[in-house]
């Protein structure tokens, strides 16, 4: 057994949860915040058999897409003019997946 911890942007969370349901992947969904943009994320915890890990990873890759987004860096408060006050293009989205061995898995 493996424990997968999957972190995606909220924008991808419902699509991913639906894909998990269609493929009989049971998961626990948690609301989380963090990352560079301090944006809303969703974390899925999935207990899965070793032989199904690659199938779950394929689902995640298909659903959680990377995309480009513009953001304006924080204003420089020292009064100086900074080129960084203009919007910059960054890559967001995708998924972060952590895979860990799981000794036991119980359902009561």
N, C-alpha and C. Protein backbone atom coordinates (compact mmCIF):
# COMPACT_ATOMS: atom_id res chain seq x y z
N UNK A 1 0.84 -1.19 0.00
CA UNK A 1 0.00 0.00 0.00
C UNK A 1 0.88 1.24 0.00
N UNK A 2 0.34 2.28 -0.60
CA UNK A 2 1.00 3.58 -0.65
C UNK A 2 0.02 4.64 -0.17
N UNK A 3 0.58 5.70 0.39
CA UNK A 3 -0.19 6.89 0.70
C UNK A 3 0.26 7.97 -0.26
N UNK A 4 -0.67 8.47 -1.06
CA UNK A 4 -0.39 9.58 -1.96
C UNK A 4 -0.98 10.84 -1.37
N UNK A 5 -0.17 11.87 -1.27
CA UNK A 5 -0.65 13.19 -0.88
C UNK A 5 -0.55 14.05 -2.13
N UNK A 6 -1.69 14.52 -2.60
CA UNK A 6 -1.78 15.22 -3.88
C UNK A 6 -2.27 16.65 -3.62
N UNK A 7 -1.48 17.64 -4.02
CA UNK A 7 -1.84 19.04 -3.82
C UNK A 7 -2.08 19.68 -5.18
N UNK A 8 -3.29 20.24 -5.35
CA UNK A 8 -3.65 20.90 -6.60
C UNK A 8 -4.31 22.24 -6.28
N UNK A 9 -4.37 23.12 -7.28
CA UNK A 9 -5.10 24.37 -7.10
C UNK A 9 -6.59 24.07 -7.02
N UNK A 10 -7.31 24.91 -6.29
CA UNK A 10 -8.76 24.73 -6.17
C UNK A 10 -9.43 24.66 -7.53
N UNK A 11 -8.88 25.36 -8.51
CA UNK A 11 -9.46 25.37 -9.86
C UNK A 11 -9.54 23.97 -10.46
N UNK A 12 -8.61 23.09 -10.10
CA UNK A 12 -8.58 21.73 -10.64
C UNK A 12 -9.22 20.69 -9.71
N UNK A 13 -9.56 21.07 -8.49
CA UNK A 13 -9.96 20.10 -7.48
C UNK A 13 -11.24 19.34 -7.82
N UNK A 14 -12.28 20.02 -8.28
CA UNK A 14 -13.54 19.31 -8.57
C UNK A 14 -13.39 18.35 -9.74
N UNK A 15 -12.67 18.79 -10.79
CA UNK A 15 -12.45 17.89 -11.94
C UNK A 15 -11.68 16.66 -11.50
N UNK A 16 -10.69 16.87 -10.65
CA UNK A 16 -9.88 15.74 -10.19
C UNK A 16 -10.70 14.80 -9.31
N UNK A 17 -11.51 15.36 -8.43
CA UNK A 17 -12.34 14.53 -7.56
C UNK A 17 -13.32 13.71 -8.40
N UNK A 18 -13.90 14.30 -9.43
CA UNK A 18 -14.80 13.55 -10.32
C UNK A 18 -14.06 12.44 -11.06
N UNK A 19 -12.84 12.72 -11.50
CA UNK A 19 -12.04 11.70 -12.19
C UNK A 19 -11.71 10.56 -11.23
N UNK A 20 -11.39 10.89 -9.99
CA UNK A 20 -11.14 9.84 -8.99
C UNK A 20 -12.38 8.97 -8.81
N UNK A 21 -13.54 9.59 -8.71
CA UNK A 21 -14.79 8.85 -8.51
C UNK A 21 -15.06 7.91 -9.68
N UNK A 22 -14.85 8.39 -10.90
CA UNK A 22 -15.08 7.56 -12.10
C UNK A 22 -14.15 6.36 -12.15
N UNK A 23 -12.98 6.48 -11.54
CA UNK A 23 -11.98 5.41 -11.57
C UNK A 23 -11.87 4.66 -10.25
N UNK A 24 -12.89 4.82 -9.40
CA UNK A 24 -12.96 4.11 -8.12
C UNK A 24 -11.70 4.33 -7.26
N UNK A 25 -11.26 5.60 -7.19
CA UNK A 25 -10.13 5.96 -6.34
C UNK A 25 -10.72 6.70 -5.14
N UNK A 26 -10.70 6.05 -3.99
CA UNK A 26 -11.24 6.67 -2.79
C UNK A 26 -10.20 7.62 -2.21
N UNK A 27 -10.66 8.78 -1.79
CA UNK A 27 -9.74 9.81 -1.31
C UNK A 27 -10.39 10.64 -0.21
N UNK A 28 -9.56 11.33 0.53
CA UNK A 28 -10.01 12.31 1.51
C UNK A 28 -9.54 13.66 1.01
N UNK A 29 -10.47 14.62 0.99
CA UNK A 29 -10.19 15.94 0.44
C UNK A 29 -10.07 16.96 1.58
N UNK A 30 -8.96 17.71 1.56
CA UNK A 30 -8.72 18.74 2.57
C UNK A 30 -8.52 20.08 1.89
N UNK A 31 -9.02 21.14 2.50
CA UNK A 31 -8.78 22.49 1.99
C UNK A 31 -7.49 23.00 2.60
N UNK A 32 -6.56 23.47 1.76
CA UNK A 32 -5.27 23.94 2.23
C UNK A 32 -4.91 25.26 1.54
N UNK A 33 -3.96 25.97 2.11
CA UNK A 33 -3.50 27.22 1.53
C UNK A 33 -1.98 27.23 1.56
N UNK A 34 -1.39 27.80 0.54
CA UNK A 34 0.07 27.90 0.55
C UNK A 34 0.62 28.13 -0.83
N UNK A 35 1.90 28.03 -0.93
CA UNK A 35 2.58 28.21 -2.20
C UNK A 35 2.97 29.64 -2.43
N UNK A 36 3.58 29.86 -3.57
CA UNK A 36 4.12 31.16 -3.95
C UNK A 36 3.04 32.25 -3.95
N UNK A 37 1.86 31.92 -4.46
CA UNK A 37 0.79 32.91 -4.56
C UNK A 37 -0.11 32.94 -3.34
N UNK A 38 0.16 32.10 -2.36
CA UNK A 38 -0.68 32.00 -1.16
C UNK A 38 -2.15 31.79 -1.55
N UNK A 39 -2.34 31.01 -2.58
CA UNK A 39 -3.68 30.79 -3.10
C UNK A 39 -4.30 29.54 -2.50
N UNK A 40 -5.60 29.40 -2.69
CA UNK A 40 -6.31 28.24 -2.18
C UNK A 40 -5.92 26.98 -2.92
N UNK A 41 -5.65 25.95 -2.18
CA UNK A 41 -5.30 24.65 -2.74
C UNK A 41 -6.22 23.60 -2.15
N UNK A 42 -6.20 22.45 -2.75
CA UNK A 42 -6.88 21.29 -2.22
C UNK A 42 -5.86 20.17 -2.12
N UNK A 43 -5.88 19.47 -1.00
CA UNK A 43 -4.99 18.34 -0.79
C UNK A 43 -5.83 17.08 -0.70
N UNK A 44 -5.49 16.10 -1.51
CA UNK A 44 -6.15 14.79 -1.47
C UNK A 44 -5.20 13.81 -0.81
N UNK A 45 -5.72 13.01 0.11
CA UNK A 45 -4.96 11.91 0.69
C UNK A 45 -5.60 10.62 0.17
N UNK A 46 -4.75 9.78 -0.42
CA UNK A 46 -5.25 8.58 -1.09
C UNK A 46 -4.45 7.37 -0.60
N UNK A 47 -5.13 6.40 -0.05
CA UNK A 47 -4.52 5.11 0.25
C UNK A 47 -4.81 4.19 -0.92
N UNK A 48 -3.75 3.69 -1.56
CA UNK A 48 -3.94 2.92 -2.81
C UNK A 48 -2.97 1.75 -2.86
N UNK A 49 -3.40 0.68 -3.52
CA UNK A 49 -2.55 -0.48 -3.71
C UNK A 49 -1.38 -0.11 -4.62
N UNK A 50 -0.25 -0.74 -4.38
CA UNK A 50 0.97 -0.44 -5.15
C UNK A 50 0.75 -0.51 -6.65
N UNK A 51 0.02 -1.51 -7.10
CA UNK A 51 -0.15 -1.71 -8.55
C UNK A 51 -1.06 -0.66 -9.19
N UNK A 52 -1.77 0.14 -8.40
CA UNK A 52 -2.66 1.17 -8.96
C UNK A 52 -2.04 2.58 -8.91
N UNK A 53 -0.86 2.71 -8.33
CA UNK A 53 -0.25 4.03 -8.17
C UNK A 53 -0.06 4.72 -9.52
N UNK A 54 0.47 4.03 -10.50
CA UNK A 54 0.71 4.64 -11.82
C UNK A 54 -0.60 5.07 -12.48
N UNK A 55 -1.67 4.30 -12.29
CA UNK A 55 -2.98 4.69 -12.84
C UNK A 55 -3.46 6.00 -12.22
N UNK A 56 -3.29 6.13 -10.91
CA UNK A 56 -3.70 7.36 -10.22
C UNK A 56 -2.85 8.53 -10.68
N UNK A 57 -1.55 8.32 -10.84
CA UNK A 57 -0.68 9.38 -11.33
C UNK A 57 -1.08 9.84 -12.73
N UNK A 58 -1.47 8.90 -13.57
CA UNK A 58 -1.93 9.25 -14.92
C UNK A 58 -3.19 10.11 -14.87
N UNK A 59 -4.11 9.79 -13.97
CA UNK A 59 -5.33 10.59 -13.81
C UNK A 59 -4.96 12.01 -13.40
N UNK A 60 -4.07 12.13 -12.45
CA UNK A 60 -3.65 13.44 -11.95
C UNK A 60 -3.01 14.25 -13.07
N UNK A 61 -2.14 13.63 -13.85
CA UNK A 61 -1.47 14.33 -14.95
C UNK A 61 -2.45 14.83 -15.99
N UNK A 62 -3.49 14.05 -16.28
CA UNK A 62 -4.47 14.44 -17.29
C UNK A 62 -5.34 15.60 -16.83
N UNK A 63 -5.68 15.63 -15.55
CA UNK A 63 -6.65 16.59 -15.05
C UNK A 63 -6.01 17.89 -14.54
N UNK A 64 -4.89 17.79 -13.90
CA UNK A 64 -4.26 18.96 -13.28
C UNK A 64 -3.29 19.61 -14.25
N UNK A 65 -3.77 20.63 -14.93
CA UNK A 65 -2.95 21.24 -15.98
C UNK A 65 -2.18 22.45 -15.49
N UNK A 66 -0.98 22.62 -16.03
CA UNK A 66 -0.20 23.83 -15.78
C UNK A 66 -0.71 24.90 -16.73
N UNK A 67 -0.69 26.14 -16.27
CA UNK A 67 -1.10 27.25 -17.11
C UNK A 67 -0.32 28.49 -16.70
N UNK A 68 -0.32 29.47 -17.59
CA UNK A 68 0.38 30.71 -17.29
C UNK A 68 -0.60 31.75 -16.76
N UNK A 69 -0.12 32.56 -15.84
CA UNK A 69 -0.96 33.57 -15.22
C UNK A 69 -0.07 34.79 -14.96
N UNK A 70 -0.66 35.96 -15.02
CA UNK A 70 0.08 37.18 -14.70
C UNK A 70 -0.18 37.57 -13.25
N UNK A 71 0.87 38.03 -12.58
CA UNK A 71 0.71 38.53 -11.22
C UNK A 71 1.54 39.79 -11.08
N UNK A 72 1.08 40.68 -10.22
CA UNK A 72 1.83 41.90 -9.94
C UNK A 72 2.57 41.70 -8.63
N UNK A 73 3.89 41.82 -8.65
CA UNK A 73 4.67 41.66 -7.41
C UNK A 73 4.27 42.73 -6.39
N UNK A 74 4.55 42.49 -5.12
CA UNK A 74 4.23 43.48 -4.09
C UNK A 74 4.92 44.81 -4.37
N UNK A 75 4.29 45.90 -3.93
CA UNK A 75 4.81 47.25 -4.13
C UNK A 75 6.03 47.46 -3.23
N UNK A 76 7.03 48.16 -3.76
CA UNK A 76 8.23 48.49 -3.01
C UNK A 76 7.90 49.65 -2.08
N UNK A 77 7.90 49.44 -0.78
CA UNK A 77 7.47 50.45 0.19
C UNK A 77 8.56 51.45 0.57
N UNK A 78 9.77 51.31 0.06
CA UNK A 78 10.82 52.26 0.42
C UNK A 78 10.78 53.53 -0.43
N UNK A 79 9.78 53.65 -1.29
CA UNK A 79 9.60 54.85 -2.09
C UNK A 79 10.33 54.82 -3.41
N UNK A 80 11.16 53.85 -3.62
CA UNK A 80 11.90 53.74 -4.87
C UNK A 80 11.03 53.19 -5.98
N UNK A 81 11.43 53.49 -7.19
CA UNK A 81 10.72 52.95 -8.35
C UNK A 81 11.35 51.62 -8.71
N UNK A 82 10.52 50.64 -8.93
CA UNK A 82 11.03 49.31 -9.21
C UNK A 82 10.38 48.77 -10.48
N UNK A 83 11.19 48.12 -11.31
CA UNK A 83 10.64 47.48 -12.51
C UNK A 83 9.72 46.32 -12.14
N UNK A 84 9.83 45.84 -10.92
CA UNK A 84 9.05 44.67 -10.53
C UNK A 84 7.59 45.02 -10.23
N UNK A 85 7.20 46.31 -10.39
CA UNK A 85 5.80 46.66 -10.13
C UNK A 85 4.92 46.35 -11.33
N UNK A 86 5.52 45.89 -12.41
CA UNK A 86 4.75 45.51 -13.59
C UNK A 86 4.37 44.04 -13.48
N UNK A 87 3.23 43.67 -14.05
CA UNK A 87 2.84 42.26 -14.00
C UNK A 87 3.88 41.36 -14.66
N UNK A 88 4.09 40.21 -14.08
CA UNK A 88 5.01 39.22 -14.63
C UNK A 88 4.25 37.92 -14.88
N UNK A 89 4.69 37.20 -15.89
CA UNK A 89 4.04 35.93 -16.24
C UNK A 89 4.68 34.81 -15.41
N UNK A 90 3.83 34.01 -14.76
CA UNK A 90 4.32 32.88 -13.98
C UNK A 90 3.53 31.63 -14.37
N UNK A 91 4.09 30.48 -14.08
CA UNK A 91 3.42 29.22 -14.34
C UNK A 91 2.74 28.75 -13.06
N UNK A 92 1.45 28.42 -13.15
CA UNK A 92 0.70 27.94 -12.00
C UNK A 92 0.00 26.64 -12.38
N UNK A 93 -0.58 26.01 -11.41
CA UNK A 93 -1.33 24.79 -11.67
C UNK A 93 -0.46 23.56 -11.59
N UNK A 94 -0.93 22.52 -12.19
CA UNK A 94 -0.23 21.25 -12.08
C UNK A 94 -0.54 20.61 -10.74
N UNK A 95 0.27 19.70 -10.34
CA UNK A 95 0.04 18.99 -9.08
C UNK A 95 1.38 18.67 -8.43
N UNK A 96 1.36 18.64 -7.12
CA UNK A 96 2.49 18.15 -6.35
C UNK A 96 2.03 16.86 -5.70
N UNK A 97 2.78 15.79 -5.93
CA UNK A 97 2.39 14.48 -5.40
C UNK A 97 3.53 13.91 -4.56
N UNK A 98 3.18 13.49 -3.36
CA UNK A 98 4.15 12.82 -2.49
C UNK A 98 3.67 11.39 -2.29
N UNK A 99 4.56 10.44 -2.49
CA UNK A 99 4.24 9.02 -2.34
C UNK A 99 5.03 8.46 -1.17
N UNK A 100 4.30 7.80 -0.27
CA UNK A 100 4.94 7.22 0.91
C UNK A 100 4.46 5.79 1.12
N UNK A 101 5.33 4.96 1.63
CA UNK A 101 4.89 3.60 1.96
C UNK A 101 3.92 3.66 3.14
N UNK A 102 2.97 2.76 3.13
CA UNK A 102 1.98 2.70 4.20
C UNK A 102 1.95 1.27 4.72
N UNK A 103 2.27 1.11 6.00
CA UNK A 103 2.32 -0.21 6.58
C UNK A 103 0.95 -0.84 6.73
N UNK A 104 -0.02 -0.03 7.18
CA UNK A 104 -1.37 -0.55 7.43
C UNK A 104 -2.40 0.44 6.93
N UNK A 105 -3.55 -0.11 6.58
CA UNK A 105 -4.67 0.70 6.14
C UNK A 105 -5.93 0.08 6.70
N UNK A 106 -6.65 0.81 7.51
CA UNK A 106 -7.85 0.25 8.17
C UNK A 106 -9.06 1.05 7.75
N UNK A 107 -10.17 0.36 7.60
CA UNK A 107 -11.47 0.97 7.36
C UNK A 107 -12.45 0.35 8.33
N UNK A 108 -13.04 1.15 9.17
CA UNK A 108 -13.97 0.62 10.18
C UNK A 108 -15.38 1.05 9.87
